[in-house]
Amino acid sequence: MALTFFKTPKNKKFNYKPVYYDKKKDEREKRQKSAIEDEPDNYEDALRARMQARWKRNAGAKEKRTSNTRLIIIILALALVLYLFFLR
């Protein structure tokens, strides 16, 4: 048995449960719920809502692609200017 003058404190324990938000999962569940609850009379409204959701998803991909292309062109132009500047 060892003699100790100071007692070291124990580690504190927390009951933390991280929360994860999945936007795609929420949208999918919302579509499934609306498909179950919809009646045949609301077919046009349901179709319109699905089309709008697809357009929103596809719009972000197109903007990202154009942004990446623009960035590559700017980097290549800067590299060319720097190459010509230091070459002469």
PDB file of N, CA and C in Angstrom:
ATOM      1  N   MET A   1       0.828  -1.167   0.000  1.00  0.00           N
ATOM      2  CA  MET A   1       0.000   0.000   0.000  1.00  0.00           C
ATOM      3  C   MET A   1       0.884   1.245   0.000  1.00  0.00           C
ATOM      4  N   ALA A   2       0.639   2.129  -1.001  1.00  0.00           N
ATOM      5  CA  ALA A   2       1.470   3.317  -1.162  1.00  0.00           C
ATOM      6  C   ALA A   2       0.830   4.512  -0.467  1.00  0.00           C
ATOM      7  N   LEU A   3       1.693   5.360   0.054  1.00  0.00           N
ATOM      8  CA  LEU A   3       1.209   6.578   0.694  1.00  0.00           C
ATOM      9  C   LEU A   3       1.048   7.672  -0.354  1.00  0.00           C
ATOM     10  N   THR A   4      -0.085   8.361  -0.340  1.00  0.00           N
ATOM     11  CA  THR A   4      -0.307   9.465  -1.273  1.00  0.00           C
ATOM     12  C   THR A   4      -0.722  10.698  -0.482  1.00  0.00           C
ATOM     13  N   PHE A   5      -0.145  11.823  -0.857  1.00  0.00           N
ATOM     14  CA  PHE A   5      -0.476  13.076  -0.200  1.00  0.00           C
ATOM     15  C   PHE A   5      -1.623  13.806  -0.906  1.00  0.00           C
ATOM     16  N   PHE A   6      -1.687  13.618  -2.225  1.00  0.00           N
ATOM     17  CA  PHE A   6      -2.723  14.279  -3.008  1.00  0.00           C
ATOM     18  C   PHE A   6      -3.523  13.221  -3.757  1.00  0.00           C
ATOM     19  N   LYS A   7      -4.817  13.397  -3.767  1.00  0.00           N
ATOM     20  CA  LYS A   7      -5.665  12.480  -4.517  1.00  0.00           C
ATOM     21  C   LYS A   7      -5.979  13.121  -5.866  1.00  0.00           C
ATOM     22  N   THR A   8      -5.788  12.363  -6.923  1.00  0.00           N
ATOM     23  CA  THR A   8      -6.100  12.883  -8.254  1.00  0.00           C
ATOM     24  C   THR A   8      -7.592  12.702  -8.522  1.00  0.00           C
ATOM     25  N   PRO A   9      -8.204  13.697  -9.124  1.00  0.00           N
ATOM     26  CA  PRO A   9      -9.653  13.589  -9.384  1.00  0.00           C
ATOM     27  C   PRO A   9      -9.933  12.554 -10.483  1.00  0.00           C
ATOM     28  N   LYS A  10     -11.096  11.952 -10.387  1.00  0.00           N
ATOM     29  CA  LYS A  10     -11.514  10.972 -11.390  1.00  0.00           C
ATOM     30  C   LYS A  10     -12.009  11.705 -12.631  1.00  0.00           C
ATOM     31  N   ASN A  11     -12.015  11.006 -13.747  1.00  0.00           N
ATOM     32  CA  ASN A  11     -12.531  11.575 -14.983  1.00  0.00           C
ATOM     33  C   ASN A  11     -14.036  11.782 -14.875  1.00  0.00           C
ATOM     34  N   LYS A  12     -14.480  12.886 -15.468  1.00  0.00           N
ATOM     35  CA  LYS A  12     -15.909  13.154 -15.465  1.00  0.00           C
ATOM     36  C   LYS A  12     -16.553  12.408 -16.625  1.00  0.00           C
ATOM     37  N   LYS A  13     -17.748  11.892 -16.390  1.00  0.00           N
ATOM     38  CA  LYS A  13     -18.472  11.164 -17.422  1.00  0.00           C
ATOM     39  C   LYS A  13     -19.700  11.971 -17.820  1.00  0.00           C
ATOM     40  N   PHE A  14     -19.932  12.039 -19.117  1.00  0.00           N
ATOM     41  CA  PHE A  14     -21.076  12.764 -19.641  1.00  0.00           C
ATOM     42  C   PHE A  14     -21.950  11.807 -20.432  1.00  0.00           C
ATOM     43  N   ASN A  15     -23.229  12.056 -20.432  1.00  0.00           N
ATOM     44  CA  ASN A  15     -24.176  11.250 -21.197  1.00  0.00           C
ATOM     45  C   ASN A  15     -24.573  12.005 -22.461  1.00  0.00           C
ATOM     46  N   TYR A  16     -23.593  12.318 -23.287  1.00  0.00           N
ATOM     47  CA  TYR A  16     -23.831  13.076 -24.512  1.00  0.00           C
ATOM     48  C   TYR A  16     -24.103  12.125 -25.665  1.00  0.00           C
ATOM     49  N   LYS A  17     -25.223  12.340 -26.340  1.00  0.00           N
ATOM     50  CA  LYS A  17     -25.556  11.551 -27.522  1.00  0.00           C
ATOM     51  C   LYS A  17     -25.602  12.512 -28.702  1.00  0.00           C
ATOM     52  N   PRO A  18     -24.692  12.390 -29.654  1.00  0.00           N
ATOM     53  CA  PRO A  18     -24.667  13.329 -30.774  1.00  0.00           C
ATOM     54  C   PRO A  18     -25.912  13.178 -31.648  1.00  0.00           C
ATOM     55  N   VAL A  19     -26.354  14.302 -32.178  1.00  0.00           N
ATOM     56  CA  VAL A  19     -27.528  14.321 -33.048  1.00  0.00           C
ATOM     57  C   VAL A  19     -27.045  14.553 -34.472  1.00  0.00           C
ATOM     58  N   TYR A  20     -27.493  13.701 -35.399  1.00  0.00           N
ATOM     59  CA  TYR A  20     -27.107  13.820 -36.799  1.00  0.00           C
ATOM     60  C   TYR A  20     -28.344  14.108 -37.628  1.00  0.00           C
ATOM     61  N   TYR A  21     -28.296  15.156 -38.429  1.00  0.00           N
ATOM     62  CA  TYR A  21     -29.418  15.543 -39.272  1.00  0.00           C
ATOM     63  C   TYR A  21     -29.121  15.146 -40.705  1.00  0.00           C
ATOM     64  N   ASP A  22     -29.965  14.311 -41.268  1.00  0.00           N
ATOM     65  CA  ASP A  22     -29.800  13.856 -42.641  1.00  0.00           C
ATOM     66  C   ASP A  22     -30.917  14.464 -43.483  1.00  0.00           C
ATOM     67  N   LYS A  23     -30.573  15.479 -44.249  1.00  0.00           N
ATOM     68  CA  LYS A  23     -31.561  16.205 -45.035  1.00  0.00           C
ATOM     69  C   LYS A  23     -32.194  15.305 -46.096  1.00  0.00           C
ATOM     70  N   LYS A  24     -31.389  14.495 -46.750  1.00  0.00           N
ATOM     71  CA  LYS A  24     -31.914  13.609 -47.795  1.00  0.00           C
ATOM     72  C   LYS A  24     -32.904  12.599 -47.207  1.00  0.00           C
ATOM     73  N   LYS A  25     -32.574  12.084 -46.032  1.00  0.00           N
ATOM     74  CA  LYS A  25     -33.470  11.111 -45.393  1.00  0.00           C
ATOM     75  C   LYS A  25     -34.801  11.764 -45.042  1.00  0.00           C
ATOM     76  N   ASP A  26     -34.755  12.997 -44.516  1.00  0.00           N
ATOM     77  CA  ASP A  26     -35.988  13.694 -44.181  1.00  0.00           C
ATOM     78  C   ASP A  26     -36.846  13.946 -45.420  1.00  0.00           C
ATOM     79  N   GLU A  27     -36.204  14.357 -46.527  1.00  0.00           N
ATOM     80  CA  GLU A  27     -36.948  14.587 -47.760  1.00  0.00           C
ATOM     81  C   GLU A  27     -37.570  13.291 -48.271  1.00  0.00           C
ATOM     82  N   ARG A  28     -36.819  12.191 -48.198  1.00  0.00           N
ATOM     83  CA  ARG A  28     -37.322  10.898 -48.658  1.00  0.00           C
ATOM     84  C   ARG A  28     -38.524  10.453 -47.827  1.00  0.00           C
ATOM     85  N   GLU A  29     -38.414  10.616 -46.501  1.00  0.00           N
ATOM     86  CA  GLU A  29     -39.534  10.243 -45.637  1.00  0.00           C
ATOM     87  C   GLU A  29     -40.751  11.123 -45.888  1.00  0.00           C
ATOM     88  N   LYS A  30     -40.524  12.384 -46.161  1.00  0.00           N
ATOM     89  CA  LYS A  30     -41.630  13.290 -46.452  1.00  0.00           C
ATOM     90  C   LYS A  30     -42.331  12.880 -47.748  1.00  0.00           C
ATOM     91  N   ARG A  31     -41.556  12.515 -48.770  1.00  0.00           N
ATOM     92  CA  ARG A  31     -42.147  12.065 -50.033  1.00  0.00           C
ATOM     93  C   ARG A  31     -42.936  10.777 -49.839  1.00  0.00           C
ATOM     94  N   GLN A  32     -42.384   9.843 -49.064  1.00  0.00           N
ATOM     95  CA  GLN A  32     -43.084   8.582 -48.828  1.00  0.00           C
ATOM     96  C   GLN A  32     -44.391   8.821 -48.078  1.00  0.00           C
ATOM     97  N   LYS A  33     -44.344   9.683 -47.088  1.00  0.00           N
ATOM     98  CA  LYS A  33     -45.544   9.968 -46.315  1.00  0.00           C
ATOM     99  C   LYS A  33     -46.606  10.634 -47.185  1.00  0.00           C
ATOM    100  N   SER A  34     -46.183  11.575 -48.026  1.00  0.00           N
ATOM    101  CA  SER A  34     -47.154  12.246 -48.889  1.00  0.00           C
ATOM    102  C   SER A  34     -47.708  11.295 -49.939  1.00  0.00           C
ATOM    103  N   ALA A  35     -46.906  10.345 -50.405  1.00  0.00           N
ATOM    104  CA  ALA A  35     -47.390   9.377 -51.395  1.00  0.00           C
ATOM    105  C   ALA A  35     -48.436   8.455 -50.783  1.00  0.00           C
ATOM    106  N   ILE A  36     -48.268   8.112 -49.532  1.00  0.00           N
ATOM    107  CA  ILE A  36     -49.230   7.236 -48.857  1.00  0.00           C
ATOM    108  C   ILE A  36     -50.528   7.983 -48.588  1.00  0.00           C
ATOM    109  N   GLU A  37     -50.407   9.231 -48.152  1.00  0.00           N
ATOM    110  CA  GLU A  37     -51.594   9.996 -47.771  1.00  0.00           C
ATOM    111  C   GLU A  37     -52.351  10.584 -48.950  1.00  0.00           C
ATOM    112  N   ASP A  38     -51.672  10.750 -50.084  1.00  0.00           N
ATOM    113  CA  ASP A  38     -52.321  11.384 -51.234  1.00  0.00           C
ATOM    114  C   ASP A  38     -53.443  10.526 -51.791  1.00  0.00           C
ATOM    115  N   GLU A  39     -54.434  11.220 -52.257  1.00  0.00           N
ATOM    116  CA  GLU A  39     -55.544  10.561 -52.922  1.00  0.00           C
ATOM    117  C   GLU A  39     -55.351  10.699 -54.423  1.00  0.00           C
ATOM    118  N   PRO A  40     -56.061   9.929 -55.232  1.00  0.00           N
ATOM    119  CA  PRO A  40     -55.924  10.049 -56.691  1.00  0.00           C
ATOM    120  C   PRO A  40     -56.298  11.436 -57.206  1.00  0.00           C
ATOM    121  N   ASP A  41     -57.126  12.172 -56.472  1.00  0.00           N
ATOM    122  CA  ASP A  41     -57.526  13.507 -56.912  1.00  0.00           C
ATOM    123  C   ASP A  41     -56.360  14.488 -56.871  1.00  0.00           C
ATOM    124  N   ASN A  42     -55.392  14.266 -55.999  1.00  0.00           N
ATOM    125  CA  ASN A  42     -54.256  15.170 -55.843  1.00  0.00           C
ATOM    126  C   ASN A  42     -53.044  14.718 -56.656  1.00  0.00           C
ATOM    127  N   TYR A  43     -53.248  13.961 -57.685  1.00  0.00           N
ATOM    128  CA  TYR A  43     -52.131  13.428 -58.469  1.00  0.00           C
ATOM    129  C   TYR A  43     -51.313  14.553 -59.091  1.00  0.00           C
ATOM    130  N   GLU A  44     -51.977  15.557 -59.641  1.00  0.00           N
ATOM    131  CA  GLU A  44     -51.248  16.656 -60.287  1.00  0.00           C
ATOM    132  C   GLU A  44     -50.410  17.441 -59.278  1.00  0.00           C
ATOM    133  N   ASP A  45     -50.959  17.679 -58.106  1.00  0.00           N
ATOM    134  CA  ASP A  45     -50.200  18.404 -57.079  1.00  0.00           C
ATOM    135  C   ASP A  45     -48.991  17.596 -56.614  1.00  0.00           C
ATOM    136  N   ALA A  46     -49.164  16.294 -56.455  1.00  0.00           N
ATOM    137  CA  ALA A  46     -48.058  15.438 -56.030  1.00  0.00           C
ATOM    138  C   ALA A  46     -46.974  15.396 -57.103  1.00  0.00           C
ATOM    139  N   LEU A  47     -47.400  15.316 -58.365  1.00  0.00           N
ATOM    140  CA  LEU A  47     -46.443  15.301 -59.474  1.00  0.00           C
ATOM    141  C   LEU A  47     -45.667  16.613 -59.516  1.00  0.00           C
ATOM    142  N   ARG A  48     -46.361  17.726 -59.329  1.00  0.00           N
ATOM    143  CA  ARG A  48     -45.717  19.038 -59.340  1.00  0.00           C
ATOM    144  C   ARG A  48     -44.688  19.142 -58.202  1.00  0.00           C
ATOM    145  N   ALA A  49     -45.047  18.653 -57.032  1.00  0.00           N
ATOM    146  CA  ALA A  49     -44.138  18.705 -55.882  1.00  0.00           C
ATOM    147  C   ALA A  49     -42.893  17.852 -56.122  1.00  0.00           C
ATOM    148  N   ARG A  50     -43.084  16.663 -56.718  1.00  0.00           N
ATOM    149  CA  ARG A  50     -41.923  15.804 -57.013  1.00  0.00           C
ATOM    150  C   ARG A  50     -41.008  16.440 -58.041  1.00  0.00           C
ATOM    151  N   MET A  51     -41.594  17.064 -59.056  1.00  0.00           N
ATOM    152  CA  MET A  51     -40.776  17.713 -60.090  1.00  0.00           C
ATOM    153  C   MET A  51     -39.977  18.870 -59.501  1.00  0.00           C
ATOM    154  N   GLN A  52     -40.602  19.668 -58.628  1.00  0.00           N
ATOM    155  CA  GLN A  52     -39.886  20.776 -58.005  1.00  0.00           C
ATOM    156  C   GLN A  52     -38.740  20.275 -57.137  1.00  0.00           C
ATOM    157  N   ALA A  53     -38.958  19.191 -56.430  1.00  0.00           N
ATOM    158  CA  ALA A  53     -37.898  18.626 -55.585  1.00  0.00           C
ATOM    159  C   ALA A  53     -36.726  18.160 -56.439  1.00  0.00           C
ATOM    160  N   ARG A  54     -37.007  17.539 -57.568  1.00  0.00           N
ATOM    161  CA  ARG A  54     -35.930  17.091 -58.463  1.00  0.00           C
ATOM    162  C   ARG A  54     -35.171  18.268 -59.025  1.00  0.00           C
ATOM    163  N   TRP A  55     -35.880  19.319 -59.436  1.00  0.00           N
ATOM    164  CA  TRP A  55     -35.217  20.490 -59.986  1.00  0.00           C
ATOM    165  C   TRP A  55     -34.304  21.135 -58.956  1.00  0.00           C
ATOM    166  N   LYS A  56     -34.737  21.174 -57.708  1.00  0.00           N
ATOM    167  CA  LYS A  56     -33.897  21.754 -56.656  1.00  0.00           C
ATOM    168  C   LYS A  56     -32.634  20.933 -56.447  1.00  0.00           C
ATOM    169  N   ARG A  57     -32.770  19.601 -56.475  1.00  0.00           N
ATOM    170  CA  ARG A  57     -31.595  18.745 -56.288  1.00  0.00           C
ATOM    171  C   ARG A  57     -30.628  18.882 -57.459  1.00  0.00           C
ATOM    172  N   ASN A  58     -31.152  18.940 -58.679  1.00  0.00           N
ATOM    173  CA  ASN A  58     -30.297  19.010 -59.867  1.00  0.00           C
ATOM    174  C   ASN A  58     -29.675  20.383 -60.036  1.00  0.00           C
ATOM    175  N   ALA A  59     -30.308  21.419 -59.555  1.00  0.00           N
ATOM    176  CA  ALA A  59     -29.775  22.772 -59.715  1.00  0.00           C
ATOM    177  C   ALA A  59     -28.458  22.924 -58.964  1.00  0.00           C
ATOM    178  N   GLY A  60     -28.352  22.365 -57.801  1.00  0.00           N
ATOM    179  CA  GLY A  60     -27.121  22.476 -57.018  1.00  0.00           C
ATOM    180  C   GLY A  60     -25.959  21.777 -57.684  1.00  0.00           C
ATOM    181  N   ALA A  61     -26.194  20.645 -58.316  1.00  0.00           N
ATOM    182  CA  ALA A  61     -25.123  19.906 -58.990  1.00  0.00           C
ATOM    183  C   ALA A  61     -24.614  20.691 -60.186  1.00  0.00           C
ATOM    184  N   LYS A  62     -25.508  21.323 -60.919  1.00  0.00           N
ATOM    185  CA  LYS A  62     -25.103  22.093 -62.102  1.00  0.00           C
ATOM    186  C   LYS A  62     -24.279  23.307 -61.695  1.00  0.00           C
ATOM    187  N   GLU A  63     -24.698  23.993 -60.634  1.00  0.00           N
ATOM    188  CA  GLU A  63     -23.948  25.161 -60.159  1.00  0.00           C
ATOM    189  C   GLU A  63     -22.557  24.764 -59.678  1.00  0.00           C
ATOM    190  N   LYS A  64     -22.459  23.629 -59.007  1.00  0.00           N
ATOM    191  CA  LYS A  64     -21.169  23.163 -58.517  1.00  0.00           C
ATOM    192  C   LYS A  64     -20.235  22.835 -59.683  1.00  0.00           C
ATOM    193  N   ARG A  65     -20.774  22.210 -60.715  1.00  0.00           N
ATOM    194  CA  ARG A  65     -19.973  21.845 -61.884  1.00  0.00           C
ATOM    195  C   ARG A  65     -19.445  23.089 -62.590  1.00  0.00           C
ATOM    196  N   THR A  66     -20.305  24.100 -62.787  1.00  0.00           N
ATOM    197  CA  THR A  66     -19.866  25.320 -63.452  1.00  0.00           C
ATOM    198  C   THR A  66     -18.847  26.072 -62.600  1.00  0.00           C
ATOM    199  N   SER A  67     -19.027  26.036 -61.290  1.00  0.00           N
ATOM    200  CA  SER A  67     -18.080  26.696 -60.397  1.00  0.00           C
ATOM    201  C   SER A  67     -16.704  26.032 -60.471  1.00  0.00           C
ATOM    202  N   ASN A  68     -16.684  24.708 -60.487  1.00  0.00           N
ATOM    203  CA  ASN A  68     -15.418  23.988 -60.586  1.00  0.00           C
ATOM    204  C   ASN A  68     -14.733  24.255 -61.917  1.00  0.00           C
ATOM    205  N   THR A  69     -15.497  24.304 -63.008  1.00  0.00           N
ATOM    206  CA  THR A  69     -14.922  24.584 -64.320  1.00  0.00           C
ATOM    207  C   THR A  69     -14.322  25.983 -64.342  1.00  0.00           C
ATOM    208  N   ARG A  70     -15.028  26.957 -63.795  1.00  0.00           N
ATOM    209  CA  ARG A  70     -14.534  28.329 -63.756  1.00  0.00           C
ATOM    210  C   ARG A  70     -13.246  28.417 -62.939  1.00  0.00           C
ATOM    211  N   LEU A  71     -13.190  27.697 -61.825  1.00  0.00           N
ATOM    212  CA  LEU A  71     -11.997  27.703 -60.978  1.00  0.00           C
ATOM    213  C   LEU A  71     -10.794  27.119 -61.717  1.00  0.00           C
ATOM    214  N   ILE A  72     -10.990  26.039 -62.443  1.00  0.00           N
ATOM    215  CA  ILE A  72      -9.896  25.417 -63.200  1.00  0.00           C
ATOM    216  C   ILE A  72      -9.389  26.370 -64.275  1.00  0.00           C
ATOM    217  N   ILE A  73     -10.283  27.067 -64.970  1.00  0.00           N
ATOM    218  CA  ILE A  73      -9.866  28.013 -66.012  1.00  0.00           C
ATOM    219  C   ILE A  73      -9.066  29.155 -65.405  1.00  0.00           C
ATOM    220  N   ILE A  74      -9.486  29.662 -64.262  1.00  0.00           N
ATOM    221  CA  ILE A  74      -8.755  30.759 -63.611  1.00  0.00           C
ATOM    222  C   ILE A  74      -7.370  30.299 -63.174  1.00  0.00           C
ATOM    223  N   ILE A  75      -7.269  29.102 -62.617  1.00  0.00           N
ATOM    224  CA  ILE A  75      -5.969  28.580 -62.183  1.00  0.00           C
ATOM    225  C   ILE A  75      -5.040  28.401 -63.380  1.00  0.00           C
ATOM    226  N   LEU A  76      -5.565  27.861 -64.471  1.00  0.00           N
ATOM    227  CA  LEU A  76      -4.737  27.696 -65.677  1.00  0.00           C
ATOM    228  C   LEU A  76      -4.289  29.046 -66.234  1.00  0.00           C
ATOM    229  N   ALA A  77      -5.155  30.043 -66.249  1.00  0.00           N
ATOM    230  CA  ALA A  77      -4.790  31.369 -66.748  1.00  0.00           C
ATOM    231  C   ALA A  77      -3.708  31.995 -65.862  1.00  0.00           C
ATOM    232  N   LEU A  78      -3.858  31.876 -64.548  1.00  0.00           N
ATOM    233  CA  LEU A  78      -2.837  32.419 -63.647  1.00  0.00           C
ATOM    234  C   LEU A  78      -1.498  31.699 -63.816  1.00  0.00           C
ATOM    235  N   ALA A  79      -1.555  30.395 -63.994  1.00  0.00           N
ATOM    236  CA  ALA A  79      -0.320  29.638 -64.198  1.00  0.00           C
ATOM    237  C   ALA A  79       0.368  30.081 -65.489  1.00  0.00           C
ATOM    238  N   LEU A  80      -0.400  30.319 -66.537  1.00  0.00           N
ATOM    239  CA  LEU A  80       0.165  30.774 -67.807  1.00  0.00           C
ATOM    240  C   LEU A  80       0.781  32.155 -67.672  1.00  0.00           C
ATOM    241  N   VAL A  81       0.110  33.058 -66.987  1.00  0.00           N
ATOM    242  CA  VAL A  81       0.634  34.417 -66.790  1.00  0.00           C
ATOM    243  C   VAL A  81       1.923  34.360 -65.963  1.00  0.00           C
ATOM    244  N   LEU A  82       1.929  33.593 -64.893  1.00  0.00           N
ATOM    245  CA  LEU A  82       3.144  33.477 -64.077  1.00  0.00           C
ATOM    246  C   LEU A  82       4.291  32.841 -64.863  1.00  0.00           C
ATOM    247  N   TYR A  83       3.984  31.862 -65.674  1.00  0.00           N
ATOM    248  CA  TYR A  83       5.006  31.205 -66.487  1.00  0.00           C
ATOM    249  C   TYR A  83       5.621  32.210 -67.466  1.00  0.00           C
ATOM    250  N   LEU A  84       4.778  32.977 -68.149  1.00  0.00           N
ATOM    251  CA  LEU A  84       5.277  33.971 -69.105  1.00  0.00           C
ATOM    252  C   LEU A  84       6.019  35.104 -68.399  1.00  0.00           C
ATOM    253  N   PHE A  85       5.575  35.474 -67.201  1.00  0.00           N
ATOM    254  CA  PHE A  85       6.204  36.566 -66.451  1.00  0.00           C
ATOM    255  C   PHE A  85       7.612  36.183 -66.007  1.00  0.00           C
ATOM    256  N   PHE A  86       7.789  34.978 -65.483  1.00  0.00           N
ATOM    257  CA  PHE A  86       9.101  34.560 -64.991  1.00  0.00           C
ATOM    258  C   PHE A  86       9.987  34.011 -66.088  1.00  0.00           C
ATOM    259  N   LEU A  87       9.456  33.709 -67.238  1.00  0.00           N
ATOM    260  CA  LEU A  87      10.260  33.202 -68.344  1.00  0.00           C
ATOM    261  C   LEU A  87      11.065  34.321 -68.966  1.00  0.00           C
ATOM    262  N   ARG A  88      10.515  35.529 -69.025  1.00  0.00           N
ATOM    263  CA  ARG A  88      11.202  36.660 -69.683  1.00  0.00           C
ATOM    264  C   ARG A  88      11.970  37.463 -68.722  1.00  0.00           C
TER     265      ARG A  88
END
